[in-house]
Every structure is written in structure tokens, then in C-alpha cells.
Amino acid sequence: MSNEAFDKFLLKLFEKTADRGQKSFFSKYEIGKEIGLFDTAEVDRIVKILHGDGFVVNNEVENSEIQLTDKGKKRLENNQI
């Protein structure tokens, strides 16, 4: 999996966040489907890495839902992808 998949995933999450607000959580699997990733294991791997880098956090109640962090938002706003 190339870095492009990570970038697409983070960008799609950013777009959804811009539409609904910073405090919203989104299904990581729906985001994956929207960018053409249908393998849930691959989506889990991408989210695990993005989480480790501090770009996303998991919902404490529903682990399949994620939220963009301020660090993730700044990465995108500064065109670092």
C-alpha cells in the first residue's frame, strides 16, 4: 500500500470534517469505501498508522468511528501530503 492511500484517506476524513465540524466522528469503513478500499483489514491498518502518527483518534464508545485531530488537520492545511 502506497502513501497515496494514507493521503486519500486523511483527505476524505478532512473533507467530511469540514462539512460536519471538527467534533464529528465518522465510520472508518465508510471512508475506506469512498476512496475505493473495501478490505476492512487494510482500512484498519491505515487507521492504526494514522492513529500512531497522531492524525486521527478513535471514538471511545465505537472503535470503528474516527475523528480528525488538530495535528491531522494542520498536516492537510499546510499541504504536507
Protein backbone atom coordinates (compact mmCIF):
# COMPACT_ATOMS: atom_id res chain seq x y z
CA MET A 1 0.00 0.00 0.00
CA SER A 2 1.43 3.32 -1.06
CA ASN A 3 1.45 6.55 0.88
CA GLU A 4 -1.20 7.70 -1.58
CA ALA A 5 -3.79 5.56 0.22
CA PHE A 6 -2.96 7.20 3.54
CA ASP A 7 -3.17 10.63 1.94
CA LYS A 8 -6.51 9.89 0.25
CA PHE A 9 -7.93 8.51 3.48
CA LEU A 10 -6.85 11.53 5.52
CA LEU A 11 -8.09 13.95 2.86
CA LYS A 12 -11.52 12.27 2.70
CA LEU A 13 -11.79 12.47 6.50
CA PHE A 14 -10.79 16.15 6.33
CA GLU A 15 -13.49 16.84 3.72
CA LYS A 16 -16.14 15.15 5.87
CA THR A 17 -14.96 17.07 8.93
CA ALA A 18 -15.18 20.37 7.06
CA ASP A 19 -18.78 19.55 6.18
CA ARG A 20 -19.88 18.45 9.66
CA GLY A 21 -17.49 20.06 12.13
CA GLN A 22 -14.30 19.15 13.98
CA LYS A 23 -16.05 17.21 16.74
CA SER A 24 -17.77 14.70 14.47
CA PHE A 25 -16.82 11.02 14.28
CA PHE A 26 -17.04 9.07 11.04
CA SER A 27 -17.02 5.38 10.13
CA LYS A 28 -13.52 4.42 9.05
CA TYR A 29 -15.03 1.71 6.82
CA GLU A 30 -17.31 4.17 5.02
CA ILE A 31 -14.34 6.47 4.40
CA GLY A 32 -12.42 3.49 3.08
CA LYS A 33 -15.24 2.60 0.68
CA GLU A 34 -15.46 6.19 -0.54
CA ILE A 35 -11.81 6.08 -1.62
CA GLY A 36 -12.05 2.58 -3.11
CA LEU A 37 -10.80 0.46 -0.19
CA PHE A 38 -13.18 -2.40 0.52
CA ASP A 39 -10.81 -4.60 2.56
CA THR A 40 -11.59 -3.90 6.22
CA ALA A 41 -8.20 -5.25 7.32
CA GLU A 42 -6.47 -2.71 5.06
CA VAL A 43 -8.65 0.10 6.41
CA ASP A 44 -7.79 -1.00 9.96
CA ARG A 45 -4.07 -0.96 9.09
CA ILE A 46 -4.26 2.54 7.61
CA VAL A 47 -6.18 3.89 10.59
CA LYS A 48 -3.75 2.25 13.02
CA ILE A 49 -0.83 4.03 11.34
CA LEU A 50 -2.66 7.37 11.14
CA HIS A 51 -3.59 6.97 14.81
CA GLY A 52 0.02 6.20 15.72
CA ASP A 53 1.12 9.36 13.92
CA GLY A 54 -1.45 11.37 15.87
CA PHE A 55 -3.58 12.32 12.86
CA VAL A 56 -6.78 10.53 13.96
CA VAL A 57 -8.37 9.30 17.19
CA ASN A 58 -10.88 6.51 17.73
CA ASN A 59 -14.25 7.04 19.34
CA GLU A 60 -14.05 5.55 22.85
CA VAL A 61 -17.55 4.08 22.54
CA GLU A 62 -17.48 2.85 18.93
CA ASN A 63 -13.97 1.83 17.84
CA SER A 64 -14.91 1.80 14.14
CA GLU A 65 -15.54 5.55 14.25
CA ILE A 66 -12.69 8.02 13.96
CA GLN A 67 -12.12 11.74 14.17
CA LEU A 68 -9.50 14.01 12.66
CA THR A 69 -7.14 15.53 15.22
CA ASP A 70 -5.81 19.08 15.18
CA LYS A 71 -2.46 17.60 14.10
CA GLY A 72 -4.12 15.84 11.18
CA LYS A 73 -5.97 18.98 10.18
CA LYS A 74 -2.78 21.06 10.30
CA ARG A 75 -0.97 18.49 8.17
CA LEU A 76 -3.59 18.88 5.46
CA GLU A 77 -3.92 22.65 5.77
CA ASN A 78 -0.16 23.03 5.40
CA ASN A 79 -0.23 20.86 2.26
CA GLN A 80 2.08 18.32 3.81
CA ILE A 81 0.51 15.49 1.83
